[in-house]
Amino acid sequence: MTRALIADDELALAEHLRARLAALWPDLEVLPLAANGLDALRALDDEEPEVAFLDIRMPGLTGLEVAGRGGARTHVVFVTAYDQYAVEAFDRDAVDYILKPVTDERLAKCLERLRRKLAAAEPPPGLEDVLAKLARALPGVGGAGKLRWVRALKGEVVHQIAVDDVIYFQASDKYTCVVTLEGESLIRLPLAELAGQLDTELFWQVHRSTIVNMNQVASTRRDLAGRTFLQLKDGKTELPVSRAYAQRFKQM
């Protein structure tokens, strides 16, 4: 029996993938879910599954790091929220990918390739060159590209949000609040880590707890105390600019 590992820190998405695998490949044995990169690497070393579905971005180790350290005996499929612009970097002769949210049509094509490789007893390919290419191309995973999508939790539903649609990001305890015209959602990524993945020409940090999409800024104002505030295009939101970042708005 072929065994597979699913590694994803978003439990709902991991369970959805498990359910679709059960429907499309009933004979596949799915190991206990790995919720982070370290657990995934441990499972690859201990269980040596034939297939691993690895989320690109996970706590502890990224999916690329897990594949590089533990994928020599396992056929790897990357699961990613990044769009087609980013996944053009994948070489499907070596590794495959599926986009979130996972569709049956795309998953079925991926499983067909996996079955063919396993039936031919084809060993997993060397991944060094492919992983280096992916690391350069995929946003937020060591490459030059910038984040284009975020997966944010609103209630019990995980939404995929285009970064261009975000009005501003704001730190909220251990989470970051993502504010769009549709409301507020949460991502499990500290604002400081998120900042390094954003296009800094478009997203300006204006406060230690706030990064704003400058396309959403209508005007600025200063009060009698010399404090700067941004008035957003929604006509109702005003964000304070801390003194550390006020210099950027002196000519505005």
C-alpha atoms as a PDB file:
ATOM      1  CA  MET A   1       0.000   0.000   0.000  1.00  0.00           C
ATOM      2  CA  THR A   2       1.263   3.458  -0.918  1.00  0.00           C
ATOM      3  CA  ARG A   3       1.615   5.814   2.018  1.00  0.00           C
ATOM      4  CA  ALA A   4       1.470   9.619   1.982  1.00  0.00           C
ATOM      5  CA  LEU A   5       2.283  12.426   4.370  1.00  0.00           C
ATOM      6  CA  ILE A   6       0.360  15.715   4.479  1.00  0.00           C
ATOM      7  CA  ALA A   7       2.220  18.608   6.121  1.00  0.00           C
ATOM      8  CA  ASP A   8       0.324  21.874   6.591  1.00  0.00           C
ATOM      9  CA  ASP A   9      -0.070  24.205   9.564  1.00  0.00           C
ATOM     10  CA  GLU A  10      -3.637  25.071   8.494  1.00  0.00           C
ATOM     11  CA  LEU A  11      -5.601  22.129   9.911  1.00  0.00           C
ATOM     12  CA  ALA A  12      -8.780  22.803   7.926  1.00  0.00           C
ATOM     13  CA  LEU A  13      -6.878  22.829   4.627  1.00  0.00           C
ATOM     14  CA  ALA A  14      -4.946  19.696   5.565  1.00  0.00           C
ATOM     15  CA  GLU A  15      -8.147  17.863   6.457  1.00  0.00           C
ATOM     16  CA  HIS A  16      -9.720  18.972   3.175  1.00  0.00           C
ATOM     17  CA  LEU A  17      -6.778  17.547   1.240  1.00  0.00           C
ATOM     18  CA  ARG A  18      -6.989  14.315   3.239  1.00  0.00           C
ATOM     19  CA  ALA A  19     -10.691  13.998   2.370  1.00  0.00           C
ATOM     20  CA  ARG A  20     -10.084  14.592  -1.341  1.00  0.00           C
ATOM     21  CA  LEU A  21      -7.260  12.035  -1.377  1.00  0.00           C
ATOM     22  CA  ALA A  22      -9.576   9.481   0.239  1.00  0.00           C
ATOM     23  CA  ALA A  23     -12.117  10.106  -2.524  1.00  0.00           C
ATOM     24  CA  LEU A  24      -9.689  10.106  -5.447  1.00  0.00           C
ATOM     25  CA  TRP A  25      -7.190   7.481  -4.238  1.00  0.00           C
ATOM     26  CA  PRO A  26      -9.026   5.167  -1.812  1.00  0.00           C
ATOM     27  CA  ASP A  27      -6.091   2.755  -1.474  1.00  0.00           C
ATOM     28  CA  LEU A  28      -3.719   5.487  -0.332  1.00  0.00           C
ATOM     29  CA  GLU A  29      -2.777   5.321   3.344  1.00  0.00           C
ATOM     30  CA  VAL A  30      -2.405   8.834   4.781  1.00  0.00           C
ATOM     31  CA  LEU A  31      -0.138   9.158   7.798  1.00  0.00           C
ATOM     32  CA  PRO A  32      -1.040  11.401  10.766  1.00  0.00           C
ATOM     33  CA  LEU A  33      -0.984  15.051   9.741  1.00  0.00           C
ATOM     34  CA  ALA A  34       2.180  17.067  10.360  1.00  0.00           C
ATOM     35  CA  ALA A  35       1.395  20.600  11.545  1.00  0.00           C
ATOM     36  CA  ASN A  36       4.865  22.100  11.030  1.00  0.00           C
ATOM     37  CA  GLY A  37       8.093  21.593   9.168  1.00  0.00           C
ATOM     38  CA  LEU A  38       9.917  19.858  12.002  1.00  0.00           C
ATOM     39  CA  ASP A  39       7.145  17.286  12.447  1.00  0.00           C
ATOM     40  CA  ALA A  40       7.109  16.753   8.692  1.00  0.00           C
ATOM     41  CA  LEU A  41      10.855  16.118   8.575  1.00  0.00           C
ATOM     42  CA  ARG A  42      10.591  13.700  11.496  1.00  0.00           C
ATOM     43  CA  ALA A  43       7.773  11.795   9.752  1.00  0.00           C
ATOM     44  CA  LEU A  44       9.762  11.558   6.510  1.00  0.00           C
ATOM     45  CA  ASP A  45      12.763  10.168   8.384  1.00  0.00           C
ATOM     46  CA  ASP A  46      10.772   7.727  10.542  1.00  0.00           C
ATOM     47  CA  GLU A  47       8.081   6.538   8.145  1.00  0.00           C
ATOM     48  CA  GLU A  48       9.688   6.993   4.700  1.00  0.00           C
ATOM     49  CA  PRO A  49       6.340   7.480   2.883  1.00  0.00           C
ATOM     50  CA  GLU A  50       6.286   7.160  -0.878  1.00  0.00           C
ATOM     51  CA  VAL A  51       4.552  10.550  -1.294  1.00  0.00           C
ATOM     52  CA  ALA A  52       4.613  13.813   0.656  1.00  0.00           C
ATOM     53  CA  PHE A  53       2.286  16.794   0.201  1.00  0.00           C
ATOM     54  CA  LEU A  54       4.248  19.686   1.705  1.00  0.00           C
ATOM     55  CA  ASP A  55       2.920  23.163   2.347  1.00  0.00           C
ATOM     56  CA  ILE A  56       5.449  25.708   1.099  1.00  0.00           C
ATOM     57  CA  ARG A  57       5.256  27.932   4.196  1.00  0.00           C
ATOM     58  CA  MET A  58       5.171  26.213   7.578  1.00  0.00           C
ATOM     59  CA  PRO A  59       6.483  27.048  11.048  1.00  0.00           C
ATOM     60  CA  GLY A  60       9.860  25.593  11.924  1.00  0.00           C
ATOM     61  CA  LEU A  61      10.955  24.634   8.410  1.00  0.00           C
ATOM     62  CA  THR A  62       9.526  25.587   5.025  1.00  0.00           C
ATOM     63  CA  GLY A  63       8.310  22.899   2.660  1.00  0.00           C
ATOM     64  CA  LEU A  64      11.401  23.528   0.533  1.00  0.00           C
ATOM     65  CA  GLU A  65      13.681  22.923   3.514  1.00  0.00           C
ATOM     66  CA  VAL A  66      11.812  19.743   4.456  1.00  0.00           C
ATOM     67  CA  ALA A  67      12.088  18.421   0.896  1.00  0.00           C
ATOM     68  CA  GLY A  68      15.780  19.273   0.762  1.00  0.00           C
ATOM     69  CA  ARG A  69      16.583  17.463   3.992  1.00  0.00           C
ATOM     70  CA  GLY A  70      14.212  14.510   3.891  1.00  0.00           C
ATOM     71  CA  GLY A  71      12.837  14.048   0.397  1.00  0.00           C
ATOM     72  CA  ALA A  72      15.478  11.745  -1.080  1.00  0.00           C
ATOM     73  CA  ARG A  73      13.227   8.664  -0.751  1.00  0.00           C
ATOM     74  CA  THR A  74       9.876  10.388  -1.271  1.00  0.00           C
ATOM     75  CA  HIS A  75       8.033  11.845  -4.252  1.00  0.00           C
ATOM     76  CA  VAL A  76       7.261  15.440  -3.260  1.00  0.00           C
ATOM     77  CA  VAL A  77       4.190  17.494  -4.142  1.00  0.00           C
ATOM     78  CA  PHE A  78       4.221  21.100  -2.968  1.00  0.00           C
ATOM     79  CA  VAL A  79       0.960  22.642  -1.803  1.00  0.00           C
ATOM     80  CA  THR A  80       0.994  26.395  -2.260  1.00  0.00           C
ATOM     81  CA  ALA A  81      -1.214  29.467  -2.106  1.00  0.00           C
ATOM     82  CA  TYR A  82       1.003  31.270  -4.623  1.00  0.00           C
ATOM     83  CA  ASP A  83      -0.483  31.901  -8.045  1.00  0.00           C
ATOM     84  CA  GLN A  84       0.636  30.855 -11.510  1.00  0.00           C
ATOM     85  CA  TYR A  85       3.207  33.655 -11.745  1.00  0.00           C
ATOM     86  CA  ALA A  86       5.176  31.981  -8.966  1.00  0.00           C
ATOM     87  CA  VAL A  87       4.578  28.340  -9.763  1.00  0.00           C
ATOM     88  CA  GLU A  88       6.015  28.718 -13.248  1.00  0.00           C
ATOM     89  CA  ALA A  89       9.258  27.965 -11.413  1.00  0.00           C
ATOM     90  CA  PHE A  90       8.190  24.375 -10.791  1.00  0.00           C
ATOM     91  CA  ASP A  91       9.714  21.650 -12.907  1.00  0.00           C
ATOM     92  CA  ARG A  92       7.026  18.991 -12.921  1.00  0.00           C
ATOM     93  CA  ASP A  93       9.469  16.377 -14.176  1.00  0.00           C
ATOM     94  CA  ALA A  94      10.981  16.573 -10.698  1.00  0.00           C
ATOM     95  CA  VAL A  95       8.298  17.881  -8.358  1.00  0.00           C
ATOM     96  CA  ASP A  96       4.645  18.701  -8.791  1.00  0.00           C
ATOM     97  CA  TYR A  97       2.464  21.275  -7.115  1.00  0.00           C
ATOM     98  CA  ILE A  98      -1.182  21.929  -6.334  1.00  0.00           C
ATOM     99  CA  LEU A  99      -2.688  25.317  -5.602  1.00  0.00           C
ATOM    100  CA  LYS A 100      -4.885  26.206  -2.658  1.00  0.00           C
ATOM    101  CA  PRO A 101      -7.787  25.865  -2.547  1.00  0.00           C
ATOM    102  CA  VAL A 102      -7.272  22.346  -3.927  1.00  0.00           C
ATOM    103  CA  THR A 103      -9.595  21.319  -6.745  1.00  0.00           C
ATOM    104  CA  ASP A 104     -10.434  17.727  -7.663  1.00  0.00           C
ATOM    105  CA  GLU A 105      -9.471  18.268 -11.313  1.00  0.00           C
ATOM    106  CA  ARG A 106      -5.971  19.528 -10.512  1.00  0.00           C
ATOM    107  CA  LEU A 107      -5.435  16.969  -7.755  1.00  0.00           C
ATOM    108  CA  ALA A 108      -6.504  14.116 -10.028  1.00  0.00           C
ATOM    109  CA  LYS A 109      -3.868  15.100 -12.619  1.00  0.00           C
ATOM    110  CA  CYS A 110      -1.233  15.217  -9.904  1.00  0.00           C
ATOM    111  CA  LEU A 111      -2.228  11.781  -8.589  1.00  0.00           C
ATOM    112  CA  GLU A 112      -2.158  10.307 -12.084  1.00  0.00           C
ATOM    113  CA  ARG A 113       1.479  11.375 -12.469  1.00  0.00           C
ATOM    114  CA  LEU A 114       2.340   9.990  -9.045  1.00  0.00           C
ATOM    115  CA  ARG A 115       0.739   6.609  -9.797  1.00  0.00           C
ATOM    116  CA  ARG A 116       2.629   6.412 -13.067  1.00  0.00           C
ATOM    117  CA  LYS A 117       5.970   7.094 -11.377  1.00  0.00           C
ATOM    118  CA  LEU A 118       5.272   4.615  -8.577  1.00  0.00           C
ATOM    119  CA  ALA A 119       4.093   1.904 -10.967  1.00  0.00           C
ATOM    120  CA  ALA A 120       7.318   2.268 -12.942  1.00  0.00           C
ATOM    121  CA  ALA A 121       9.316   2.105  -9.688  1.00  0.00           C
ATOM    122  CA  GLU A 122      10.783   5.456 -10.690  1.00  0.00           C
ATOM    123  CA  PRO A 123      12.983   6.778  -7.862  1.00  0.00           C
ATOM    124  CA  PRO A 124      12.423  10.316  -6.597  1.00  0.00           C
ATOM    125  CA  PRO A 125      14.667  12.710  -8.524  1.00  0.00           C
ATOM    126  CA  GLY A 126      17.436  14.780  -7.004  1.00  0.00           C
ATOM    127  CA  LEU A 127      15.913  18.051  -5.854  1.00  0.00           C
ATOM    128  CA  GLU A 128      18.893  20.348  -5.301  1.00  0.00           C
ATOM    129  CA  ASP A 129      18.615  22.312  -8.549  1.00  0.00           C
ATOM    130  CA  VAL A 130      14.811  22.464  -8.442  1.00  0.00           C
ATOM    131  CA  LEU A 131      14.714  23.619  -4.816  1.00  0.00           C
ATOM    132  CA  ALA A 132      17.278  26.336  -5.484  1.00  0.00           C
ATOM    133  CA  LYS A 133      15.205  27.569  -8.415  1.00  0.00           C
ATOM    134  CA  LEU A 134      12.028  27.556  -6.327  1.00  0.00           C
ATOM    135  CA  ALA A 135      13.687  29.380  -3.435  1.00  0.00           C
ATOM    136  CA  ARG A 136      14.683  32.180  -5.806  1.00  0.00           C
ATOM    137  CA  ALA A 137      11.267  32.417  -7.450  1.00  0.00           C
ATOM    138  CA  LEU A 138       8.715  31.891  -4.703  1.00  0.00           C
ATOM    139  CA  PRO A 139       7.752  34.987  -2.678  1.00  0.00           C
ATOM    140  CA  GLY A 140       8.487  34.888   1.007  1.00  0.00           C
ATOM    141  CA  VAL A 141      10.582  31.715   0.845  1.00  0.00           C
ATOM    142  CA  GLY A 142      14.023  33.161   0.272  1.00  0.00           C
ATOM    143  CA  GLY A 143      13.539  34.540  -3.226  1.00  0.00           C
ATOM    144  CA  ALA A 144      13.394  38.003  -4.762  1.00  0.00           C
ATOM    145  CA  GLY A 145       9.675  37.819  -5.476  1.00  0.00           C
ATOM    146  CA  LYS A 146       7.155  39.434  -3.164  1.00  0.00           C
ATOM    147  CA  LEU A 147       4.112  37.999  -1.460  1.00  0.00           C
ATOM    148  CA  ARG A 148       1.016  38.137  -3.646  1.00  0.00           C
ATOM    149  CA  TRP A 149      -1.510  36.162  -1.590  1.00  0.00           C
ATOM    150  CA  VAL A 150      -2.175  35.552   2.087  1.00  0.00           C
ATOM    151  CA  ARG A 151      -4.333  32.917   3.732  1.00  0.00           C
ATOM    152  CA  ALA A 152      -6.336  34.629   6.446  1.00  0.00           C
ATOM    153  CA  LEU A 153      -8.794  33.259   8.982  1.00  0.00           C
ATOM    154  CA  LYS A 154     -12.194  34.918   9.356  1.00  0.00           C
ATOM    155  CA  GLY A 155     -14.368  33.062  11.830  1.00  0.00           C
ATOM    156  CA  GLU A 156     -13.889  29.391  10.992  1.00  0.00           C
ATOM    157  CA  VAL A 157     -13.187  29.945   7.286  1.00  0.00           C
ATOM    158  CA  VAL A 158      -9.751  30.416   5.720  1.00  0.00           C
ATOM    159  CA  HIS A 159      -9.820  32.939   2.873  1.00  0.00           C
ATOM    160  CA  GLN A 160      -7.216  33.455   0.176  1.00  0.00           C
ATOM    161  CA  ILE A 161      -6.717  37.210  -0.149  1.00  0.00           C
ATOM    162  CA  ALA A 162      -4.783  39.014  -2.859  1.00  0.00           C
ATOM    163  CA  VAL A 163      -2.210  41.277  -1.188  1.00  0.00           C
ATOM    164  CA  ASP A 164      -3.155  44.102  -3.567  1.00  0.00           C
ATOM    165  CA  ASP A 165      -6.661  44.051  -2.028  1.00  0.00           C
ATOM    166  CA  VAL A 166      -5.343  44.645   1.490  1.00  0.00           C
ATOM    167  CA  ILE A 167      -5.920  48.147   2.858  1.00  0.00           C
ATOM    168  CA  TYR A 168      -3.550  47.717   5.772  1.00  0.00           C
ATOM    169  CA  PHE A 169      -1.979  45.138   8.061  1.00  0.00           C
ATOM    170  CA  GLN A 170      -2.002  45.639  11.829  1.00  0.00           C
ATOM    171  CA  ALA A 171      -0.291  43.681  14.591  1.00  0.00           C
ATOM    172  CA  SER A 172      -2.725  41.870  16.896  1.00  0.00           C
ATOM    173  CA  ASP A 173      -1.023  39.945  19.726  1.00  0.00           C
ATOM    174  CA  LYS A 174       0.627  36.895  18.089  1.00  0.00           C
ATOM    175  CA  TYR A 175      -1.333  37.433  14.887  1.00  0.00           C
ATOM    176  CA  THR A 176      -1.570  40.061  12.164  1.00  0.00           C
ATOM    177  CA  CYS A 177      -4.941  41.566  11.277  1.00  0.00           C
ATOM    178  CA  VAL A 178      -5.580  41.836   7.528  1.00  0.00           C
ATOM    179  CA  VAL A 179      -8.016  44.645   6.692  1.00  0.00           C
ATOM    180  CA  THR A 180      -9.811  44.703   3.330  1.00  0.00           C
ATOM    181  CA  LEU A 181     -13.049  46.242   2.075  1.00  0.00           C
ATOM    182  CA  GLU A 182     -14.744  42.972   3.054  1.00  0.00           C
ATOM    183  CA  GLY A 183     -13.666  43.255   6.694  1.00  0.00           C
ATOM    184  CA  GLU A 184     -10.943  41.914   8.975  1.00  0.00           C
ATOM    185  CA  SER A 185      -9.192  38.535   8.999  1.00  0.00           C
ATOM    186  CA  LEU A 186      -6.223  37.108  10.891  1.00  0.00           C
ATOM    187  CA  ILE A 187      -2.992  35.478   9.752  1.00  0.00           C
ATOM    188  CA  ARG A 188      -0.599  33.583  11.997  1.00  0.00           C
ATOM    189  CA  LEU A 189       2.445  35.571  10.989  1.00  0.00           C
ATOM    190  CA  PRO A 190       4.065  38.354  13.033  1.00  0.00           C
ATOM    191  CA  LEU A 191       4.020  41.779  11.391  1.00  0.00           C
ATOM    192  CA  ALA A 192       7.823  41.984  11.498  1.00  0.00           C
ATOM    193  CA  GLU A 193       8.146  38.771   9.466  1.00  0.00           C
ATOM    194  CA  LEU A 194       5.376  39.800   7.077  1.00  0.00           C
ATOM    195  CA  ALA A 195       7.088  43.137   6.369  1.00  0.00           C
ATOM    196  CA  GLY A 196      10.035  41.421   4.705  1.00  0.00           C
ATOM    197  CA  GLN A 197       7.748  39.684   2.220  1.00  0.00           C
ATOM    198  CA  LEU A 198       5.848  42.755   1.005  1.00  0.00           C
ATOM    199  CA  ASP A 199       6.624  45.152  -1.844  1.00  0.00           C
ATOM    200  CA  THR A 200       8.083  48.065   0.116  1.00  0.00           C
ATOM    201  CA  GLU A 201       7.380  50.503  -2.703  1.00  0.00           C
ATOM    202  CA  LEU A 202       3.672  49.872  -2.209  1.00  0.00           C
ATOM    203  CA  PHE A 203       3.366  48.838   1.442  1.00  0.00           C
ATOM    204  CA  TRP A 204       4.790  51.384   3.861  1.00  0.00           C
ATOM    205  CA  GLN A 205       5.289  50.795   7.543  1.00  0.00           C
ATOM    206  CA  VAL A 206       3.780  53.817   9.308  1.00  0.00           C
ATOM    207  CA  HIS A 207       3.825  52.544  12.869  1.00  0.00           C
ATOM    208  CA  ARG A 208       5.496  49.638  14.643  1.00  0.00           C
ATOM    209  CA  SER A 209       2.094  47.912  14.528  1.00  0.00           C
ATOM    210  CA  THR A 210       0.828  49.081  11.104  1.00  0.00           C
ATOM    211  CA  ILE A 211       1.757  48.608   7.438  1.00  0.00           C
ATOM    212  CA  VAL A 212      -0.479  50.429   4.944  1.00  0.00           C
ATOM    213  CA  ASN A 213      -1.129  49.956   1.233  1.00  0.00           C
ATOM    214  CA  MET A 214      -0.248  53.397  -0.157  1.00  0.00           C
ATOM    215  CA  ASN A 215      -2.738  52.929  -2.998  1.00  0.00           C
ATOM    216  CA  GLN A 216      -5.409  53.165  -0.300  1.00  0.00           C
ATOM    217  CA  VAL A 217      -4.213  56.499   1.152  1.00  0.00           C
ATOM    218  CA  ALA A 218      -6.288  59.536   0.182  1.00  0.00           C
ATOM    219  CA  SER A 219      -4.513  62.272   2.161  1.00  0.00           C
ATOM    220  CA  THR A 220      -2.450  63.143   5.221  1.00  0.00           C
ATOM    221  CA  ARG A 221      -3.017  65.652   8.001  1.00  0.00           C
ATOM    222  CA  ARG A 222      -1.123  66.987  10.985  1.00  0.00           C
ATOM    223  CA  ASP A 223      -2.691  68.007  14.257  1.00  0.00           C
ATOM    224  CA  LEU A 224      -1.620  70.916  16.457  1.00  0.00           C
ATOM    225  CA  ALA A 225       0.861  68.670  18.266  1.00  0.00           C
ATOM    226  CA  GLY A 226       2.605  67.880  14.981  1.00  0.00           C
ATOM    227  CA  ARG A 227       1.380  64.303  14.790  1.00  0.00           C
ATOM    228  CA  THR A 228       0.735  62.864  11.325  1.00  0.00           C
ATOM    229  CA  PHE A 229      -2.359  60.891  10.346  1.00  0.00           C
ATOM    230  CA  LEU A 230      -3.265  59.072   7.124  1.00  0.00           C
ATOM    231  CA  GLN A 231      -6.802  59.363   5.841  1.00  0.00           C
ATOM    232  CA  LEU A 232      -7.763  56.347   3.744  1.00  0.00           C
ATOM    233  CA  LYS A 233      -9.889  56.215   0.608  1.00  0.00           C
ATOM    234  CA  ASP A 234     -12.713  54.417   2.383  1.00  0.00           C
ATOM    235  CA  GLY A 235     -13.604  57.831   3.830  1.00  0.00           C
ATOM    236  CA  LYS A 236     -13.803  56.658   7.426  1.00  0.00           C
ATOM    237  CA  THR A 237     -10.434  55.250   8.485  1.00  0.00           C
ATOM    238  CA  GLU A 238      -7.586  57.333   9.847  1.00  0.00           C
ATOM    239  CA  LEU A 239      -4.266  55.784  10.826  1.00  0.00           C
ATOM    240  CA  PRO A 240      -1.652  57.421  13.050  1.00  0.00           C
ATOM    241  CA  VAL A 241       1.925  57.699  11.803  1.00  0.00           C
ATOM    242  CA  SER A 242       4.563  57.323  14.503  1.00  0.00           C
ATOM    243  CA  ARG A 243       7.373  59.869  14.683  1.00  0.00           C
ATOM    244  CA  ALA A 244       9.844  57.236  13.482  1.00  0.00           C
ATOM    245  CA  TYR A 245       8.075  57.098  10.100  1.00  0.00           C
ATOM    246  CA  ALA A 246       6.641  60.640   9.825  1.00  0.00           C
ATOM    247  CA  GLN A 247       9.600  61.895   7.776  1.00  0.00           C
ATOM    248  CA  ARG A 248       8.328  60.021   4.712  1.00  0.00           C
ATOM    249  CA  PHE A 249       5.180  62.144   4.637  1.00  0.00           C
ATOM    250  CA  LYS A 250       6.660  65.620   5.055  1.00  0.00           C
ATOM    251  CA  GLN A 251       6.393  66.413   1.350  1.00  0.00           C
ATOM    252  CA  MET A 252       2.892  64.982   1.017  1.00  0.00           C
END
